[in-house]
Amino acid sequence: MMGVRYRLYRSLTMLAPSGYRQHLGELLSYTKNEQSTDYWIGSSLIISMLIFSIVVLLHKLFFPDAVSIDTRYINLSFSSAYIIIALVSILAVQLLVYLIVYLKAADKTRRIEESLPDMLQIISSNLRAGMTPFQAMKLAARKEFGPLKEEIEIATNKSLGMTSFGKALLDMSRRSRSSLLERSMKLFVTSIRSGGQLAQLLEDLANDIAETRSLKKDLVANTKMYSMLIIFIVGFGAPLLLSVSIQFIKIITNMQSSSNISDAEFGMSFLAGTVSITPDFIFMLSVIIIFVTSLLASILTGVISEGDEKQGLKYAPLIITFSFIIFALSRFVMDAFLKI
């Protein structure tokens, strides 16, 4: 049974672009996930097929006689709609899978970089106590270091075999996405080979990393107000203004339909003629605007707070949901108040 499922996953994975498969495989290697790339891509494609099947089944159950989607703005046969739904479900699930793997790899990198200054301080103290670099590194593997402890244990175990200690240290950075760990290990290995004052070097390096991280935290704290302002404007201000726009079009349309005022009478010539923009059109446009601006706001929030736009995508569902709730509530309140 496992063999059949594995072959199915592998066959489905071959449908994905090779560059995407390779990139996802690299991210999975950083996370030390037990499941392979074939499992992630194959299972996500099966989930996409299930979503598509559910949509088709719901259509057949509730709209058995409908053959097309025909509105004022959309005229689409269901055969074409099925293709669009299939593509959207595949892309959405693949994007979700990619974000899950990416955020796991980023979380591992964050935890490693947070523990790195303490680890370097311990190694420096061990070297000052007279230990060799190998012993100092091995004894620096503390449980509270999390993934960094695992990387230290892997490096020290590899150096007991056919791999040199320097190469084992450099391989640590290849199993994580931390450029900070990579530079630190290169400096560590270079200092070992050149015979410099290794303990003093690691202590200074640890202090520099800790100071840099402290400055980064201060920068994030100083820019947090900008992130909150962006979220407030996109999540509250934009839906409210779009609701006002819809109500304004409704009022103008109703006034035109019930008014017999001539073009120049009482200075109300703007009520003459027709309004080509309808409330339904504004509503559809508002939905698109809210979705796009919320997505862009989440990306910008990730850039400001984390320095990585992909980190902001984890806020997207919350911001989008909040924006649509405010939009729906504001429309309900205005409709009830104005009774349009």
C-alpha atoms as a PDB file:
ATOM      1  CA  MET A   1       0.000   0.000   0.000  1.00  0.00           C
ATOM      2  CA  MET A   2       2.812   2.408   0.895  1.00  0.00           C
ATOM      3  CA  GLY A   3       4.591   1.543  -2.335  1.00  0.00           C
ATOM      4  CA  VAL A   4       1.504   2.299  -4.424  1.00  0.00           C
ATOM      5  CA  ARG A   5       0.968   5.596  -2.659  1.00  0.00           C
ATOM      6  CA  TYR A   6       4.619   6.560  -3.070  1.00  0.00           C
ATOM      7  CA  ARG A   7       4.507   5.800  -6.802  1.00  0.00           C
ATOM      8  CA  LEU A   8       1.330   7.864  -7.097  1.00  0.00           C
ATOM      9  CA  TYR A   9       2.934  10.808  -5.300  1.00  0.00           C
ATOM     10  CA  ARG A  10       6.052  10.529  -7.440  1.00  0.00           C
ATOM     11  CA  SER A  11       4.019  10.425 -10.674  1.00  0.00           C
ATOM     12  CA  LEU A  12       2.054  13.510  -9.660  1.00  0.00           C
ATOM     13  CA  THR A  13       5.238  15.316  -8.574  1.00  0.00           C
ATOM     14  CA  MET A  14       6.662  14.958 -12.081  1.00  0.00           C
ATOM     15  CA  LEU A  15       3.883  17.287 -13.276  1.00  0.00           C
ATOM     16  CA  ALA A  16       5.376  20.157 -11.248  1.00  0.00           C
ATOM     17  CA  PRO A  17       8.189  22.304 -12.737  1.00  0.00           C
ATOM     18  CA  SER A  18      11.667  20.989 -11.979  1.00  0.00           C
ATOM     19  CA  GLY A  19      12.813  24.332 -10.541  1.00  0.00           C
ATOM     20  CA  TYR A  20       9.949  24.351  -8.063  1.00  0.00           C
ATOM     21  CA  ARG A  21      10.649  20.738  -7.049  1.00  0.00           C
ATOM     22  CA  GLN A  22      14.317  21.516  -6.469  1.00  0.00           C
ATOM     23  CA  HIS A  23      13.625  24.685  -4.486  1.00  0.00           C
ATOM     24  CA  LEU A  24      11.018  22.972  -2.300  1.00  0.00           C
ATOM     25  CA  GLY A  25      13.429  20.092  -1.729  1.00  0.00           C
ATOM     26  CA  GLU A  26      16.080  22.541  -0.490  1.00  0.00           C
ATOM     27  CA  LEU A  27      13.617  24.114   1.937  1.00  0.00           C
ATOM     28  CA  LEU A  28      12.616  20.671   3.196  1.00  0.00           C
ATOM     29  CA  SER A  29      16.271  19.794   3.790  1.00  0.00           C
ATOM     30  CA  TYR A  30      16.563  22.890   5.990  1.00  0.00           C
ATOM     31  CA  THR A  31      13.556  21.840   8.066  1.00  0.00           C
ATOM     32  CA  LYS A  32      14.753  18.228   8.512  1.00  0.00           C
ATOM     33  CA  ASN A  33      11.251  17.097   7.574  1.00  0.00           C
ATOM     34  CA  GLU A  34      10.825  13.338   7.390  1.00  0.00           C
ATOM     35  CA  GLN A  35       8.486  13.569   4.399  1.00  0.00           C
ATOM     36  CA  SER A  36       9.999  13.851   0.936  1.00  0.00           C
ATOM     37  CA  THR A  37       9.340  16.389  -1.786  1.00  0.00           C
ATOM     38  CA  ASP A  38       7.240  13.787  -3.608  1.00  0.00           C
ATOM     39  CA  TYR A  39       4.999  13.468  -0.566  1.00  0.00           C
ATOM     40  CA  TRP A  40       4.421  17.221  -0.182  1.00  0.00           C
ATOM     41  CA  ILE A  41       3.772  17.973  -3.843  1.00  0.00           C
ATOM     42  CA  GLY A  42       1.878  14.732  -4.568  1.00  0.00           C
ATOM     43  CA  SER A  43      -0.407  14.998  -1.541  1.00  0.00           C
ATOM     44  CA  SER A  44      -1.088  18.687  -2.234  1.00  0.00           C
ATOM     45  CA  LEU A  45      -2.098  17.869  -5.811  1.00  0.00           C
ATOM     46  CA  ILE A  46      -4.484  15.205  -4.510  1.00  0.00           C
ATOM     47  CA  ILE A  47      -5.980  17.764  -2.109  1.00  0.00           C
ATOM     48  CA  SER A  48      -6.422  20.137  -5.065  1.00  0.00           C
ATOM     49  CA  MET A  49      -8.264  17.404  -6.962  1.00  0.00           C
ATOM     50  CA  LEU A  50     -10.522  16.803  -3.958  1.00  0.00           C
ATOM     51  CA  ILE A  51     -11.375  20.505  -3.721  1.00  0.00           C
ATOM     52  CA  PHE A  52     -12.181  20.586  -7.429  1.00  0.00           C
ATOM     53  CA  SER A  53     -14.329  17.456  -7.110  1.00  0.00           C
ATOM     54  CA  ILE A  54     -16.267  18.961  -4.184  1.00  0.00           C
ATOM     55  CA  VAL A  55     -16.961  22.150  -6.164  1.00  0.00           C
ATOM     56  CA  VAL A  56     -18.210  20.126  -9.166  1.00  0.00           C
ATOM     57  CA  LEU A  57     -20.347  17.929  -6.903  1.00  0.00           C
ATOM     58  CA  LEU A  58     -21.929  20.945  -5.207  1.00  0.00           C
ATOM     59  CA  HIS A  59     -22.728  22.417  -8.600  1.00  0.00           C
ATOM     60  CA  LYS A  60     -24.380  19.206  -9.792  1.00  0.00           C
ATOM     61  CA  LEU A  61     -26.400  18.906  -6.568  1.00  0.00           C
ATOM     62  CA  PHE A  62     -27.653  22.475  -6.198  1.00  0.00           C
ATOM     63  CA  PHE A  63     -27.558  23.775  -9.790  1.00  0.00           C
ATOM     64  CA  PRO A  64     -28.149  20.699 -11.979  1.00  0.00           C
ATOM     65  CA  ASP A  65     -29.707  22.637 -14.865  1.00  0.00           C
ATOM     66  CA  ALA A  66     -27.232  25.527 -14.968  1.00  0.00           C
ATOM     67  CA  VAL A  67     -24.889  25.390 -17.948  1.00  0.00           C
ATOM     68  CA  SER A  68     -23.145  28.739 -17.604  1.00  0.00           C
ATOM     69  CA  ILE A  69     -22.408  31.675 -15.322  1.00  0.00           C
ATOM     70  CA  ASP A  70     -24.187  34.597 -16.916  1.00  0.00           C
ATOM     71  CA  THR A  71     -24.312  37.926 -15.114  1.00  0.00           C
ATOM     72  CA  ARG A  72     -24.043  41.513 -16.195  1.00  0.00           C
ATOM     73  CA  TYR A  73     -20.257  41.357 -15.977  1.00  0.00           C
ATOM     74  CA  ILE A  74     -19.456  37.651 -16.468  1.00  0.00           C
ATOM     75  CA  ASN A  75     -20.547  35.307 -19.229  1.00  0.00           C
ATOM     76  CA  LEU A  76     -18.744  32.022 -18.775  1.00  0.00           C
ATOM     77  CA  SER A  77     -19.668  28.440 -19.536  1.00  0.00           C
ATOM     78  CA  PHE A  78     -19.207  25.930 -16.735  1.00  0.00           C
ATOM     79  CA  SER A  79     -16.723  23.953 -18.816  1.00  0.00           C
ATOM     80  CA  SER A  80     -14.446  27.011 -18.841  1.00  0.00           C
ATOM     81  CA  ALA A  81     -15.271  27.721 -15.202  1.00  0.00           C
ATOM     82  CA  TYR A  82     -14.164  24.209 -14.240  1.00  0.00           C
ATOM     83  CA  ILE A  83     -10.763  24.808 -15.828  1.00  0.00           C
ATOM     84  CA  ILE A  84     -10.370  28.075 -13.920  1.00  0.00           C
ATOM     85  CA  ILE A  85     -11.448  26.440 -10.635  1.00  0.00           C
ATOM     86  CA  ALA A  86      -8.999  23.573 -11.154  1.00  0.00           C
ATOM     87  CA  LEU A  87      -6.101  25.950 -11.821  1.00  0.00           C
ATOM     88  CA  VAL A  88      -7.001  28.175  -8.869  1.00  0.00           C
ATOM     89  CA  SER A  89      -7.289  25.212  -6.474  1.00  0.00           C
ATOM     90  CA  ILE A  90      -3.920  23.812  -7.601  1.00  0.00           C
ATOM     91  CA  LEU A  91      -2.146  27.167  -7.292  1.00  0.00           C
ATOM     92  CA  ALA A  92      -3.775  27.983  -3.937  1.00  0.00           C
ATOM     93  CA  VAL A  93      -2.883  24.639  -2.334  1.00  0.00           C
ATOM     94  CA  GLN A  94       0.659  24.722  -3.728  1.00  0.00           C
ATOM     95  CA  LEU A  95       1.119  28.253  -2.412  1.00  0.00           C
ATOM     96  CA  LEU A  96      -0.108  27.136   1.008  1.00  0.00           C
ATOM     97  CA  VAL A  97       2.288  24.155   1.014  1.00  0.00           C
ATOM     98  CA  TYR A  98       5.192  26.358  -0.030  1.00  0.00           C
ATOM     99  CA  LEU A  99       4.445  28.910   2.688  1.00  0.00           C
ATOM    100  CA  ILE A 100       4.226  26.196   5.353  1.00  0.00           C
ATOM    101  CA  VAL A 101       7.618  24.760   4.370  1.00  0.00           C
ATOM    102  CA  TYR A 102       9.181  28.208   3.954  1.00  0.00           C
ATOM    103  CA  LEU A 103       7.968  29.431   7.344  1.00  0.00           C
ATOM    104  CA  LYS A 104       9.278  26.245   9.001  1.00  0.00           C
ATOM    105  CA  ALA A 105      12.702  26.827   7.463  1.00  0.00           C
ATOM    106  CA  ALA A 106      12.589  30.504   8.471  1.00  0.00           C
ATOM    107  CA  ASP A 107      11.620  29.563  12.036  1.00  0.00           C
ATOM    108  CA  LYS A 108      14.592  27.215  12.269  1.00  0.00           C
ATOM    109  CA  THR A 109      16.882  29.983  10.988  1.00  0.00           C
ATOM    110  CA  ARG A 110      15.485  32.426  13.541  1.00  0.00           C
ATOM    111  CA  ARG A 111      15.992  30.016  16.436  1.00  0.00           C
ATOM    112  CA  ILE A 112      19.548  29.245  15.325  1.00  0.00           C
ATOM    113  CA  GLU A 113      20.494  32.920  15.076  1.00  0.00           C
ATOM    114  CA  GLU A 114      18.960  33.672  18.474  1.00  0.00           C
ATOM    115  CA  SER A 115      21.060  30.924  20.109  1.00  0.00           C
ATOM    116  CA  LEU A 116      24.258  31.611  18.155  1.00  0.00           C
ATOM    117  CA  PRO A 117      25.742  34.362  20.420  1.00  0.00           C
ATOM    118  CA  ASP A 118      25.274  32.221  23.556  1.00  0.00           C
ATOM    119  CA  MET A 119      26.796  29.216  21.822  1.00  0.00           C
ATOM    120  CA  LEU A 120      29.854  31.227  20.745  1.00  0.00           C
ATOM    121  CA  GLN A 121      30.257  32.585  24.282  1.00  0.00           C
ATOM    122  CA  ILE A 122      30.228  29.055  25.716  1.00  0.00           C
ATOM    123  CA  ILE A 123      32.769  27.856  23.143  1.00  0.00           C
ATOM    124  CA  SER A 124      34.987  30.826  23.995  1.00  0.00           C
ATOM    125  CA  SER A 125      34.762  30.028  27.723  1.00  0.00           C
ATOM    126  CA  ASN A 126      35.593  26.373  27.060  1.00  0.00           C
ATOM    127  CA  LEU A 127      38.628  27.353  24.986  1.00  0.00           C
ATOM    128  CA  ARG A 128      39.866  29.618  27.768  1.00  0.00           C
ATOM    129  CA  ALA A 129      39.509  26.633  30.118  1.00  0.00           C
ATOM    130  CA  GLY A 130      42.050  24.757  28.012  1.00  0.00           C
ATOM    131  CA  MET A 131      39.811  22.606  25.841  1.00  0.00           C
ATOM    132  CA  THR A 132      40.460  21.861  22.186  1.00  0.00           C
ATOM    133  CA  PRO A 133      38.117  23.441  19.612  1.00  0.00           C
ATOM    134  CA  PHE A 134      36.428  20.050  19.105  1.00  0.00           C
ATOM    135  CA  GLN A 135      35.803  19.560  22.826  1.00  0.00           C
ATOM    136  CA  ALA A 136      34.697  23.168  23.250  1.00  0.00           C
ATOM    137  CA  MET A 137      32.194  22.785  20.417  1.00  0.00           C
ATOM    138  CA  LYS A 138      30.884  19.419  21.635  1.00  0.00           C
ATOM    139  CA  LEU A 139      30.291  20.651  25.178  1.00  0.00           C
ATOM    140  CA  ALA A 140      28.542  23.777  23.860  1.00  0.00           C
ATOM    141  CA  ALA A 141      25.578  21.698  22.654  1.00  0.00           C
ATOM    142  CA  ARG A 142      22.950  22.711  25.182  1.00  0.00           C
ATOM    143  CA  LYS A 143      19.350  21.540  25.149  1.00  0.00           C
ATOM    144  CA  GLU A 144      17.970  25.079  25.189  1.00  0.00           C
ATOM    145  CA  PHE A 145      19.686  25.831  21.872  1.00  0.00           C
ATOM    146  CA  GLY A 146      17.125  23.679  20.021  1.00  0.00           C
ATOM    147  CA  PRO A 147      18.034  23.213  16.331  1.00  0.00           C
ATOM    148  CA  LEU A 148      21.516  24.655  16.897  1.00  0.00           C
ATOM    149  CA  LYS A 149      22.211  21.848  19.388  1.00  0.00           C
ATOM    150  CA  GLU A 150      21.214  19.312  16.742  1.00  0.00           C
ATOM    151  CA  GLU A 151      23.535  20.898  14.186  1.00  0.00           C
ATOM    152  CA  ILE A 152      26.438  20.880  16.659  1.00  0.00           C
ATOM    153  CA  GLU A 153      25.881  17.200  17.418  1.00  0.00           C
ATOM    154  CA  ILE A 154      25.739  16.351  13.711  1.00  0.00           C
ATOM    155  CA  ALA A 155      28.968  18.280  13.048  1.00  0.00           C
ATOM    156  CA  THR A 156      30.887  16.731  15.940  1.00  0.00           C
ATOM    157  CA  ASN A 157      29.705  13.206  15.080  1.00  0.00           C
ATOM    158  CA  LYS A 158      30.715  13.650  11.433  1.00  0.00           C
ATOM    159  CA  SER A 159      34.167  14.877  12.438  1.00  0.00           C
ATOM    160  CA  LEU A 160      34.746  11.605  14.324  1.00  0.00           C
ATOM    161  CA  GLY A 161      34.515   9.724  11.030  1.00  0.00           C
ATOM    162  CA  MET A 162      36.048  10.455   7.645  1.00  0.00           C
ATOM    163  CA  THR A 163      35.130  14.183   7.609  1.00  0.00           C
ATOM    164  CA  SER A 164      37.495  16.803   8.974  1.00  0.00           C
ATOM    165  CA  PHE A 165      36.345  19.050  11.787  1.00  0.00           C
ATOM    166  CA  GLY A 166      36.567  22.175   9.621  1.00  0.00           C
ATOM    167  CA  LYS A 167      34.475  20.679   6.828  1.00  0.00           C
ATOM    168  CA  ALA A 168      31.913  19.440   9.346  1.00  0.00           C
ATOM    169  CA  LEU A 169      31.576  22.977  10.710  1.00  0.00           C
ATOM    170  CA  LEU A 170      31.124  24.438   7.228  1.00  0.00           C
ATOM    171  CA  ASP A 171      28.451  21.833   6.479  1.00  0.00           C
ATOM    172  CA  MET A 172      26.386  23.228   9.357  1.00  0.00           C
ATOM    173  CA  SER A 173      25.518  26.291   7.297  1.00  0.00           C
ATOM    174  CA  ARG A 174      24.447  24.147   4.338  1.00  0.00           C
ATOM    175  CA  ARG A 175      21.694  22.558   6.432  1.00  0.00           C
ATOM    176  CA  SER A 176      20.183  25.922   7.359  1.00  0.00           C
ATOM    177  CA  ARG A 177      19.347  29.167   5.607  1.00  0.00           C
ATOM    178  CA  SER A 178      21.290  31.295   8.081  1.00  0.00           C
ATOM    179  CA  SER A 179      23.917  33.483   6.441  1.00  0.00           C
ATOM    180  CA  LEU A 180      24.944  34.569   9.948  1.00  0.00           C
ATOM    181  CA  LEU A 181      25.781  30.983  10.918  1.00  0.00           C
ATOM    182  CA  GLU A 182      27.657  30.516   7.646  1.00  0.00           C
ATOM    183  CA  ARG A 183      29.867  33.571   8.201  1.00  0.00           C
ATOM    184  CA  SER A 184      30.488  32.613  11.822  1.00  0.00           C
ATOM    185  CA  MET A 185      31.564  29.068  10.937  1.00  0.00           C
ATOM    186  CA  LYS A 186      33.823  30.297   8.124  1.00  0.00           C
ATOM    187  CA  LEU A 187      35.488  32.695  10.551  1.00  0.00           C
ATOM    188  CA  PHE A 188      35.753  29.901  13.140  1.00  0.00           C
ATOM    189  CA  VAL A 189      37.413  27.493  10.680  1.00  0.00           C
ATOM    190  CA  THR A 190      39.738  30.172   9.295  1.00  0.00           C
ATOM    191  CA  SER A 191      40.861  31.086  12.798  1.00  0.00           C
ATOM    192  CA  ILE A 192      41.514  27.421  13.666  1.00  0.00           C
ATOM    193  CA  ARG A 193      43.683  26.985  10.563  1.00  0.00           C
ATOM    194  CA  SER A 194      45.589  30.244  11.035  1.00  0.00           C
ATOM    195  CA  GLY A 195      46.219  29.678  14.732  1.00  0.00           C
ATOM    196  CA  GLY A 196      44.847  33.017  15.952  1.00  0.00           C
ATOM    197  CA  GLN A 197      43.401  33.871  19.338  1.00  0.00           C
ATOM    198  CA  LEU A 198      40.264  31.843  18.820  1.00  0.00           C
ATOM    199  CA  ALA A 199      38.673  32.443  22.233  1.00  0.00           C
ATOM    200  CA  GLN A 200      38.913  36.244  21.959  1.00  0.00           C
ATOM    201  CA  LEU A 201      37.693  36.144  18.371  1.00  0.00           C
ATOM    202  CA  LEU A 202      34.572  34.118  19.224  1.00  0.00           C
ATOM    203  CA  GLU A 203      33.805  36.327  22.205  1.00  0.00           C
ATOM    204  CA  ASP A 204      33.998  39.483  20.069  1.00  0.00           C
ATOM    205  CA  LEU A 205      31.924  37.803  17.372  1.00  0.00           C
ATOM    206  CA  ALA A 206      29.257  36.827  19.893  1.00  0.00           C
ATOM    207  CA  ASN A 207      29.104  40.398  21.219  1.00  0.00           C
ATOM    208  CA  ASP A 208      28.791  41.822  17.705  1.00  0.00           C
ATOM    209  CA  ILE A 209      25.964  39.407  16.816  1.00  0.00           C
ATOM    210  CA  ALA A 210      24.107  40.158  20.051  1.00  0.00           C
ATOM    211  CA  GLU A 211      24.472  43.899  19.480  1.00  0.00           C
ATOM    212  CA  THR A 212      23.269  43.603  15.886  1.00  0.00           C
ATOM    213  CA  ARG A 213      20.207  41.621  16.962  1.00  0.00           C
ATOM    214  CA  SER A 214      19.467  44.194  19.660  1.00  0.00           C
ATOM    215  CA  LEU A 215      19.629  47.004  17.094  1.00  0.00           C
ATOM    216  CA  LYS A 216      17.333  45.034  14.796  1.00  0.00           C
ATOM    217  CA  LYS A 217      14.783  44.585  17.586  1.00  0.00           C
ATOM    218  CA  ASP A 218      14.905  48.318  18.310  1.00  0.00           C
ATOM    219  CA  LEU A 219      14.360  49.046  14.625  1.00  0.00           C
ATOM    220  CA  VAL A 220      11.351  46.715  14.501  1.00  0.00           C
ATOM    221  CA  ALA A 221       9.919  48.347  17.636  1.00  0.00           C
ATOM    222  CA  ASN A 222      10.354  51.805  16.117  1.00  0.00           C
ATOM    223  CA  THR A 223       8.616  50.806  12.886  1.00  0.00           C
ATOM    224  CA  LYS A 224       5.781  48.879  14.552  1.00  0.00           C
ATOM    225  CA  MET A 225       3.619  51.993  14.547  1.00  0.00           C
ATOM    226  CA  TYR A 226       3.904  52.194  10.757  1.00  0.00           C
ATOM    227  CA  SER A 227       2.774  48.570  10.450  1.00  0.00           C
ATOM    228  CA  MET A 228      -0.214  49.245  12.704  1.00  0.00           C
ATOM    229  CA  LEU A 229      -1.092  52.336  10.664  1.00  0.00           C
ATOM    230  CA  ILE A 230      -0.973  50.369   7.395  1.00  0.00           C
ATOM    231  CA  ILE A 231      -3.158  47.604   8.833  1.00  0.00           C
ATOM    232  CA  PHE A 232      -5.644  50.167  10.188  1.00  0.00           C
ATOM    233  CA  ILE A 233      -5.915  52.012   6.852  1.00  0.00           C
ATOM    234  CA  VAL A 234      -6.292  48.821   4.812  1.00  0.00           C
ATOM    235  CA  GLY A 235      -8.413  46.877   7.296  1.00  0.00           C
ATOM    236  CA  PHE A 236     -10.724  49.662   8.456  1.00  0.00           C
ATOM    237  CA  GLY A 237     -10.369  52.835   6.412  1.00  0.00           C
ATOM    238  CA  ALA A 238     -10.477  51.368   2.903  1.00  0.00           C
ATOM    239  CA  PRO A 239     -13.579  49.137   3.454  1.00  0.00           C
ATOM    240  CA  LEU A 240     -15.393  52.026   5.095  1.00  0.00           C
ATOM    241  CA  LEU A 241     -14.661  54.416   2.225  1.00  0.00           C
ATOM    242  CA  LEU A 242     -15.648  51.817  -0.361  1.00  0.00           C
ATOM    243  CA  SER A 243     -18.947  51.286   1.470  1.00  0.00           C
ATOM    244  CA  VAL A 244     -19.541  55.040   1.381  1.00  0.00           C
ATOM    245  CA  SER A 245     -18.856  55.022  -2.367  1.00  0.00           C
ATOM    246  CA  ILE A 246     -21.461  52.321  -2.928  1.00  0.00           C
ATOM    247  CA  GLN A 247     -24.026  54.235  -0.889  1.00  0.00           C
ATOM    248  CA  PHE A 248     -23.243  57.449  -2.772  1.00  0.00           C
ATOM    249  CA  ILE A 249     -23.884  55.760  -6.142  1.00  0.00           C
ATOM    250  CA  LYS A 250     -27.137  54.324  -4.775  1.00  0.00           C
ATOM    251  CA  ILE A 251     -28.279  57.750  -3.579  1.00  0.00           C
ATOM    252  CA  ILE A 252     -27.466  59.442  -6.888  1.00  0.00           C
ATOM    253  CA  THR A 253     -29.196  56.675  -8.855  1.00  0.00           C
ATOM    254  CA  ASN A 254     -32.347  56.890  -6.690  1.00  0.00           C
ATOM    255  CA  MET A 255     -32.413  60.678  -6.904  1.00  0.00           C
ATOM    256  CA  GLN A 256     -32.140  60.552 -10.685  1.00  0.00           C
ATOM    257  CA  SER A 257     -34.892  57.982 -11.003  1.00  0.00           C
ATOM    258  CA  SER A 258     -37.301  59.984  -8.801  1.00  0.00           C
ATOM    259  CA  SER A 259     -36.390  63.520  -9.879  1.00  0.00           C
ATOM    260  CA  ASN A 260     -37.875  65.600 -12.706  1.00  0.00           C
ATOM    261  CA  ILE A 261     -35.436  68.485 -12.300  1.00  0.00           C
ATOM    262  CA  SER A 262     -34.218  70.065 -15.526  1.00  0.00           C
ATOM    263  CA  ASP A 263     -30.566  70.493 -16.371  1.00  0.00           C
ATOM    264  CA  ALA A 264     -30.174  74.067 -15.154  1.00  0.00           C
ATOM    265  CA  GLU A 265     -32.884  74.236 -12.495  1.00  0.00           C
ATOM    266  CA  PHE A 266     -31.759  74.980  -8.918  1.00  0.00           C
ATOM    267  CA  GLY A 267     -28.123  74.254  -9.893  1.00  0.00           C
ATOM    268  CA  MET A 268     -28.836  70.510  -9.847  1.00  0.00           C
ATOM    269  CA  SER A 269     -27.733  69.766 -13.376  1.00  0.00           C
ATOM    270  CA  PHE A 270     -25.526  66.904 -12.168  1.00  0.00           C
ATOM    271  CA  LEU A 271     -28.707  64.911 -11.561  1.00  0.00           C
ATOM    272  CA  ALA A 272     -29.618  65.070 -15.218  1.00  0.00           C
ATOM    273  CA  GLY A 273     -28.266  62.393 -17.531  1.00  0.00           C
ATOM    274  CA  THR A 274     -27.378  58.881 -16.513  1.00  0.00           C
ATOM    275  CA  VAL A 275     -24.816  57.346 -14.169  1.00  0.00           C
ATOM    276  CA  SER A 276     -22.906  54.677 -16.048  1.00  0.00           C
ATOM    277  CA  ILE A 277     -21.326  53.293 -12.874  1.00  0.00           C
ATOM    278  CA  THR A 278     -23.730  51.043 -10.985  1.00  0.00           C
ATOM    279  CA  PRO A 279     -23.630  49.956  -7.310  1.00  0.00           C
ATOM    280  CA  ASP A 280     -23.094  46.343  -8.418  1.00  0.00           C
ATOM    281  CA  PHE A 281     -20.023  47.346 -10.390  1.00  0.00           C
ATOM    282  CA  ILE A 282     -18.625  49.300  -7.431  1.00  0.00           C
ATOM    283  CA  PHE A 283     -19.292  46.314  -5.177  1.00  0.00           C
ATOM    284  CA  MET A 284     -17.320  43.932  -7.426  1.00  0.00           C
ATOM    285  CA  LEU A 285     -14.536  46.481  -7.749  1.00  0.00           C
ATOM    286  CA  SER A 286     -14.484  46.951  -3.963  1.00  0.00           C
ATOM    287  CA  VAL A 287     -14.079  43.218  -3.363  1.00  0.00           C
ATOM    288  CA  ILE A 288     -11.092  43.123  -5.709  1.00  0.00           C
ATOM    289  CA  ILE A 289      -9.565  46.263  -4.184  1.00  0.00           C
ATOM    290  CA  ILE A 290      -9.950  44.983  -0.612  1.00  0.00           C
ATOM    291  CA  PHE A 291      -8.394  41.618  -1.455  1.00  0.00           C
ATOM    292  CA  VAL A 292      -5.432  43.076  -3.365  1.00  0.00           C
ATOM    293  CA  THR A 293      -4.680  45.885  -0.906  1.00  0.00           C
ATOM    294  CA  SER A 294      -4.930  43.515   2.076  1.00  0.00           C
ATOM    295  CA  LEU A 295      -2.500  41.130   0.406  1.00  0.00           C
ATOM    296  CA  LEU A 296      -0.066  43.948  -0.402  1.00  0.00           C
ATOM    297  CA  ALA A 297      -0.416  45.327   3.131  1.00  0.00           C
ATOM    298  CA  SER A 298       0.503  41.950   4.633  1.00  0.00           C
ATOM    299  CA  ILE A 299       3.566  41.746   2.376  1.00  0.00           C
ATOM    300  CA  LEU A 300       4.613  45.283   3.333  1.00  0.00           C
ATOM    301  CA  THR A 301       4.119  44.447   7.009  1.00  0.00           C
ATOM    302  CA  GLY A 302       6.441  41.466   6.610  1.00  0.00           C
ATOM    303  CA  VAL A 303       9.084  43.665   4.980  1.00  0.00           C
ATOM    304  CA  ILE A 304       8.872  46.252   7.755  1.00  0.00           C
ATOM    305  CA  SER A 305       8.788  43.846  10.713  1.00  0.00           C
ATOM    306  CA  GLU A 306      10.854  40.895   9.486  1.00  0.00           C
ATOM    307  CA  GLY A 307      12.722  42.168   6.438  1.00  0.00           C
ATOM    308  CA  ASP A 308      11.145  39.361   4.379  1.00  0.00           C
ATOM    309  CA  GLU A 309       8.018  39.789   2.286  1.00  0.00           C
ATOM    310  CA  LYS A 310       7.094  36.096   2.551  1.00  0.00           C
ATOM    311  CA  GLN A 311       6.951  36.406   6.330  1.00  0.00           C
ATOM    312  CA  GLY A 312       4.129  38.908   5.907  1.00  0.00           C
ATOM    313  CA  LEU A 313       1.943  36.444   3.999  1.00  0.00           C
ATOM    314  CA  LYS A 314       1.119  34.666   7.252  1.00  0.00           C
ATOM    315  CA  TYR A 315      -0.811  37.807   8.255  1.00  0.00           C
ATOM    316  CA  ALA A 316      -2.748  37.874   4.961  1.00  0.00           C
ATOM    317  CA  PRO A 317      -5.698  35.619   5.997  1.00  0.00           C
ATOM    318  CA  LEU A 318      -6.301  37.660   9.152  1.00  0.00           C
ATOM    319  CA  ILE A 319      -6.072  41.046   7.406  1.00  0.00           C
ATOM    320  CA  ILE A 320      -8.243  39.942   4.460  1.00  0.00           C
ATOM    321  CA  THR A 321     -10.895  38.444   6.756  1.00  0.00           C
ATOM    322  CA  PHE A 322     -10.948  41.529   8.992  1.00  0.00           C
ATOM    323  CA  SER A 323     -11.232  43.852   5.973  1.00  0.00           C
ATOM    324  CA  PHE A 324     -14.193  41.964   4.519  1.00  0.00           C
ATOM    325  CA  ILE A 325     -15.930  41.858   7.902  1.00  0.00           C
ATOM    326  CA  ILE A 326     -15.584  45.645   8.258  1.00  0.00           C
ATOM    327  CA  PHE A 327     -16.808  46.059   4.672  1.00  0.00           C
ATOM    328  CA  ALA A 328     -19.889  43.903   5.287  1.00  0.00           C
ATOM    329  CA  LEU A 329     -20.689  45.556   8.624  1.00  0.00           C
ATOM    330  CA  SER A 330     -20.304  49.071   7.260  1.00  0.00           C
ATOM    331  CA  ARG A 331     -22.586  48.265   4.311  1.00  0.00           C
ATOM    332  CA  PHE A 332     -25.192  46.765   6.666  1.00  0.00           C
ATOM    333  CA  VAL A 333     -25.110  49.779   8.994  1.00  0.00           C
ATOM    334  CA  MET A 334     -25.362  52.279   6.141  1.00  0.00           C
ATOM    335  CA  ASP A 335     -28.185  50.370   4.450  1.00  0.00           C
ATOM    336  CA  ALA A 336     -30.095  50.200   7.725  1.00  0.00           C
ATOM    337  CA  PHE A 337     -29.455  53.867   8.545  1.00  0.00           C
ATOM    338  CA  LEU A 338     -30.230  55.283   5.085  1.00  0.00           C
ATOM    339  CA  LYS A 339     -32.785  52.583   4.202  1.00  0.00           C
ATOM    340  CA  ILE A 340     -31.716  52.381   0.589  1.00  0.00           C
END
